[in-house]
């Protein structure tokens, strides 16, 4: 009987160790984050390497599609976005709006002061930028994901439902949705007019299948 209890305890400990290792890999291992993308993007990313800003990019870093954040795939973008913090030390919650050509577009909001943002990322790099956008700070890597790599029709209130549909690995890596939703309470989240205009611009660019070179600069 004692032997069986020991085996059960060892099995539980081994399972916990495996979950912690998997969690750390997803949050911090940039090569693993990139490996979750299609092979064509992985190959291009390995050629591009890791940079803080793309050579020849134009416009405000992260805020316009002509100067996207170089990141290692969609998961790398989620990890980078989860490191962002406002000057008031608020984290952001985010979701993915879609793509303009190869450029991925995310909407984000700070939970207390309700600052709104639209960010552009380029997933074709081997590692994520260590640069923060103007007006924001970048915390240390390894933070839980504060958002999702898909569209929330009712952002951010669908956070819990989308996370629930994730694989166990991603659920473990994602900030508990209740921590996000509790800060929102039952309040109606209203976007300011400027944010609505940005989203209309993004939606048109995504629907039309535009490339970045065909787009006018995003409203910032």
Protein backbone atom coordinates (compact mmCIF):
# COMPACT_ATOMS: atom_id res chain seq x y z
CA UNK A 1 0.00 0.00 0.00
CA UNK A 2 2.82 2.39 0.90
CA UNK A 3 4.46 1.64 -2.43
CA UNK A 4 1.24 2.49 -4.31
CA UNK A 5 0.92 5.80 -2.46
CA UNK A 6 4.55 6.58 -3.34
CA UNK A 7 3.94 5.76 -7.01
CA UNK A 8 0.85 7.98 -7.07
CA UNK A 9 2.74 10.83 -5.45
CA UNK A 10 5.66 10.47 -7.87
CA UNK A 11 3.24 10.37 -10.81
CA UNK A 12 1.53 13.58 -9.64
CA UNK A 13 4.90 15.29 -9.14
CA UNK A 14 6.11 14.23 -12.57
CA UNK A 15 2.90 15.46 -14.17
CA UNK A 16 3.24 18.82 -12.39
CA UNK A 17 6.87 19.11 -13.49
CA UNK A 18 5.86 18.38 -17.08
CA UNK A 19 3.11 21.03 -16.95
CA UNK A 20 5.51 23.63 -15.54
CA UNK A 21 8.08 22.80 -18.22
CA UNK A 22 5.42 23.05 -20.93
CA UNK A 23 4.18 26.37 -19.51
CA UNK A 24 7.67 27.88 -19.36
CA UNK A 25 8.39 26.73 -22.90
CA UNK A 26 5.23 28.35 -24.25
CA UNK A 27 5.80 31.64 -22.40
CA UNK A 28 9.55 32.03 -22.78
CA UNK A 29 11.00 29.76 -25.49
CA UNK A 30 10.94 31.93 -28.61
CA UNK A 31 12.05 29.09 -30.89
CA UNK A 32 9.15 26.96 -29.66
CA UNK A 33 6.70 29.85 -30.05
CA UNK A 34 7.83 30.26 -33.65
CA UNK A 35 7.60 26.51 -34.35
CA UNK A 36 3.81 26.72 -33.91
CA UNK A 37 3.58 28.73 -37.15
CA UNK A 38 3.44 27.26 -40.71
CA UNK A 39 6.77 25.98 -42.02
CA UNK A 40 7.00 28.71 -44.67
CA UNK A 41 6.91 31.42 -42.00
CA UNK A 42 9.37 29.51 -39.80
CA UNK A 43 11.88 29.33 -42.66
CA UNK A 44 11.54 33.02 -43.46
CA UNK A 45 11.78 33.95 -39.77
CA UNK A 46 15.00 32.02 -39.40
CA UNK A 47 16.44 33.98 -42.32
CA UNK A 48 15.26 37.31 -40.87
CA UNK A 49 16.66 36.65 -37.40
CA UNK A 50 15.70 38.78 -34.40
CA UNK A 51 15.63 42.58 -34.55
CA UNK A 52 14.08 45.31 -32.40
CA UNK A 53 12.85 47.30 -35.40
CA UNK A 54 12.62 46.40 -39.07
CA UNK A 55 15.22 48.10 -41.26
CA UNK A 56 13.60 50.69 -43.53
CA UNK A 57 10.31 50.76 -41.59
CA UNK A 58 8.46 54.08 -41.60
CA UNK A 59 6.09 55.72 -39.12
CA UNK A 60 5.40 55.22 -35.42
CA UNK A 61 6.72 51.90 -34.22
CA UNK A 62 3.91 49.36 -33.58
CA UNK A 63 1.14 51.87 -34.30
CA UNK A 64 1.21 51.80 -38.12
CA UNK A 65 1.35 48.87 -40.57
CA UNK A 66 4.47 50.31 -42.22
CA UNK A 67 6.43 49.90 -38.96
CA UNK A 68 5.13 46.69 -37.37
CA UNK A 69 6.71 45.00 -34.37
CA UNK A 70 8.97 42.13 -35.47
CA UNK A 71 7.84 39.03 -33.53
CA UNK A 72 8.24 35.25 -33.70
CA UNK A 73 4.84 34.15 -34.93
CA UNK A 74 1.38 34.75 -33.49
CA UNK A 75 2.32 33.25 -30.13
CA UNK A 76 5.37 35.50 -30.06
CA UNK A 77 3.08 38.48 -30.66
CA UNK A 78 0.85 37.36 -27.78
CA UNK A 79 3.89 37.08 -25.52
CA UNK A 80 5.12 40.55 -26.56
CA UNK A 81 1.70 42.17 -26.09
CA UNK A 82 1.40 40.58 -22.64
CA UNK A 83 4.60 42.36 -21.58
CA UNK A 84 3.20 45.82 -22.33
CA UNK A 85 2.33 48.16 -19.48
CA UNK A 86 1.06 51.72 -19.44
CA UNK A 87 2.85 54.51 -17.61
CA UNK A 88 0.29 53.97 -14.85
CA UNK A 89 1.51 50.34 -14.53
CA UNK A 90 -1.64 48.87 -16.06
CA UNK A 91 -1.41 45.74 -18.20
CA UNK A 92 -3.39 45.43 -21.42
CA UNK A 93 -5.91 42.85 -22.57
CA UNK A 94 -5.95 42.20 -26.32
CA UNK A 95 -7.33 40.22 -29.23
CA UNK A 96 -6.33 39.68 -32.86
CA UNK A 97 -8.34 41.59 -35.46
CA UNK A 98 -6.91 39.87 -38.54
CA UNK A 99 -4.19 40.33 -41.13
CA UNK A 100 -3.26 42.96 -43.69
CA UNK A 101 -1.09 40.98 -46.05
CA UNK A 102 1.43 39.30 -43.75
CA UNK A 103 0.98 41.92 -41.00
CA UNK A 104 -1.14 40.89 -38.01
CA UNK A 105 -3.35 43.48 -36.30
CA UNK A 106 -4.33 43.52 -32.60
CA UNK A 107 -6.66 45.67 -30.55
CA UNK A 108 -5.76 46.27 -26.91
CA UNK A 109 -7.23 48.07 -23.91
CA UNK A 110 -5.99 48.92 -20.41
CA UNK A 111 -8.47 47.62 -17.87
CA UNK A 112 -8.71 50.51 -15.43
CA UNK A 113 -8.26 53.77 -17.33
CA UNK A 114 -9.56 52.19 -20.55
CA UNK A 115 -6.83 53.40 -22.87
CA UNK A 116 -7.30 51.93 -26.33
CA UNK A 117 -4.68 50.83 -28.87
CA UNK A 118 -4.25 49.17 -32.25
CA UNK A 119 -0.92 47.39 -32.78
CA UNK A 120 0.65 45.93 -35.91
CA UNK A 121 3.08 42.99 -35.78
CA UNK A 122 5.14 41.11 -38.36
CA UNK A 123 5.35 37.42 -37.37
CA UNK A 124 8.18 36.56 -39.77
CA UNK A 125 11.08 36.94 -37.34
CA UNK A 126 13.02 34.51 -35.17
CA UNK A 127 12.44 36.45 -31.95
CA UNK A 128 10.31 39.27 -30.59
CA UNK A 129 11.41 42.88 -30.36
CA UNK A 130 12.65 44.18 -27.02
CA UNK A 131 11.39 47.66 -27.85
CA UNK A 132 8.25 49.24 -26.37
CA UNK A 133 5.91 51.49 -28.37
CA UNK A 134 5.83 55.18 -27.57
CA UNK A 135 3.98 55.84 -24.31
CA UNK A 136 4.26 52.28 -23.00
CA UNK A 137 6.76 50.15 -21.08
CA UNK A 138 7.91 46.61 -21.76
CA UNK A 139 8.17 44.27 -18.77
CA UNK A 140 10.33 41.16 -18.46
CA UNK A 141 9.46 38.09 -20.61
CA UNK A 142 7.55 35.11 -19.26
CA UNK A 143 4.31 36.82 -18.27
CA UNK A 144 1.00 34.95 -18.75
CA UNK A 145 -0.87 35.75 -21.94
CA UNK A 146 -3.27 38.65 -21.36
CA UNK A 147 -5.22 38.11 -24.54
CA UNK A 148 -5.94 35.78 -27.44
CA UNK A 149 -4.69 35.26 -30.96
CA UNK A 150 -8.19 35.33 -32.45
CA UNK A 151 -11.02 37.81 -32.92
CA UNK A 152 -13.44 38.58 -30.07
CA UNK A 153 -16.69 39.89 -31.50
CA UNK A 154 -17.59 41.26 -28.06
CA UNK A 155 -14.16 42.34 -26.87
CA UNK A 156 -13.16 41.79 -24.11
CA UNK A 157 -16.19 39.94 -22.72
CA UNK A 158 -15.61 36.77 -24.77
CA UNK A 159 -12.19 36.27 -23.20
CA UNK A 160 -13.29 33.43 -20.89
CA UNK A 161 -15.14 31.52 -23.62
CA UNK A 162 -12.24 31.65 -26.06
CA UNK A 163 -9.68 30.61 -23.45
CA UNK A 164 -11.92 27.71 -22.39
CA UNK A 165 -11.73 26.38 -25.95
CA UNK A 166 -7.91 26.47 -25.94
CA UNK A 167 -5.74 23.41 -25.49
CA UNK A 168 -4.71 22.70 -21.90
CA UNK A 169 -1.24 24.09 -22.62
CA UNK A 170 -2.63 27.45 -23.72
CA UNK A 171 -5.16 27.61 -20.90
CA UNK A 172 -2.34 27.20 -18.39
CA UNK A 173 -0.36 29.95 -20.10
CA UNK A 174 -3.24 32.45 -20.23
CA UNK A 175 -4.10 34.87 -17.45
CA UNK A 176 -7.20 33.64 -15.63
CA UNK A 177 -10.07 35.27 -17.56
CA UNK A 178 -11.95 35.98 -14.33
CA UNK A 179 -9.16 38.32 -13.25
CA UNK A 180 -9.83 40.30 -16.40
CA UNK A 181 -13.62 40.16 -16.30
CA UNK A 182 -13.81 41.03 -12.60
CA UNK A 183 -12.09 44.32 -13.35
CA UNK A 184 -14.70 45.06 -15.99
CA UNK A 185 -17.62 44.07 -13.78
CA UNK A 186 -20.88 44.56 -15.69
CA UNK A 187 -19.80 47.87 -17.14
CA UNK A 188 -20.39 48.45 -20.83
CA UNK A 189 -17.09 48.86 -22.62
CA UNK A 190 -17.42 51.79 -24.99
CA UNK A 191 -14.73 52.56 -27.54
CA UNK A 192 -13.97 56.25 -28.14
CA UNK A 193 -14.66 57.58 -31.62
CA UNK A 194 -10.98 57.56 -32.56
CA UNK A 195 -10.79 53.83 -31.78
CA UNK A 196 -13.94 53.11 -33.76
CA UNK A 197 -12.42 54.86 -36.78
CA UNK A 198 -9.23 52.79 -36.48
CA UNK A 199 -11.25 49.58 -36.34
CA UNK A 200 -13.26 50.58 -39.41
CA UNK A 201 -10.02 51.23 -41.26
CA UNK A 202 -8.56 47.89 -40.17
CA UNK A 203 -11.74 45.97 -41.02
CA UNK A 204 -11.77 47.44 -44.53
CA UNK A 205 -8.09 46.61 -45.07
CA UNK A 206 -8.55 43.04 -43.79
CA UNK A 207 -11.71 42.42 -45.87
CA UNK A 208 -10.23 43.84 -49.06
CA UNK A 209 -7.12 41.67 -48.82
CA UNK A 210 -4.93 44.76 -49.02
CA UNK A 211 -1.18 44.61 -48.68
CA UNK A 212 0.65 47.09 -46.48
CA UNK A 213 2.06 48.88 -49.53
CA UNK A 214 -1.50 49.50 -50.76
CA UNK A 215 -2.73 50.90 -47.45
CA UNK A 216 -2.94 54.43 -46.24
CA UNK A 217 -1.32 54.98 -42.83
CA UNK A 218 -3.51 53.85 -39.94
CA UNK A 219 -5.19 56.50 -37.84
CA UNK A 220 -3.17 57.13 -34.68
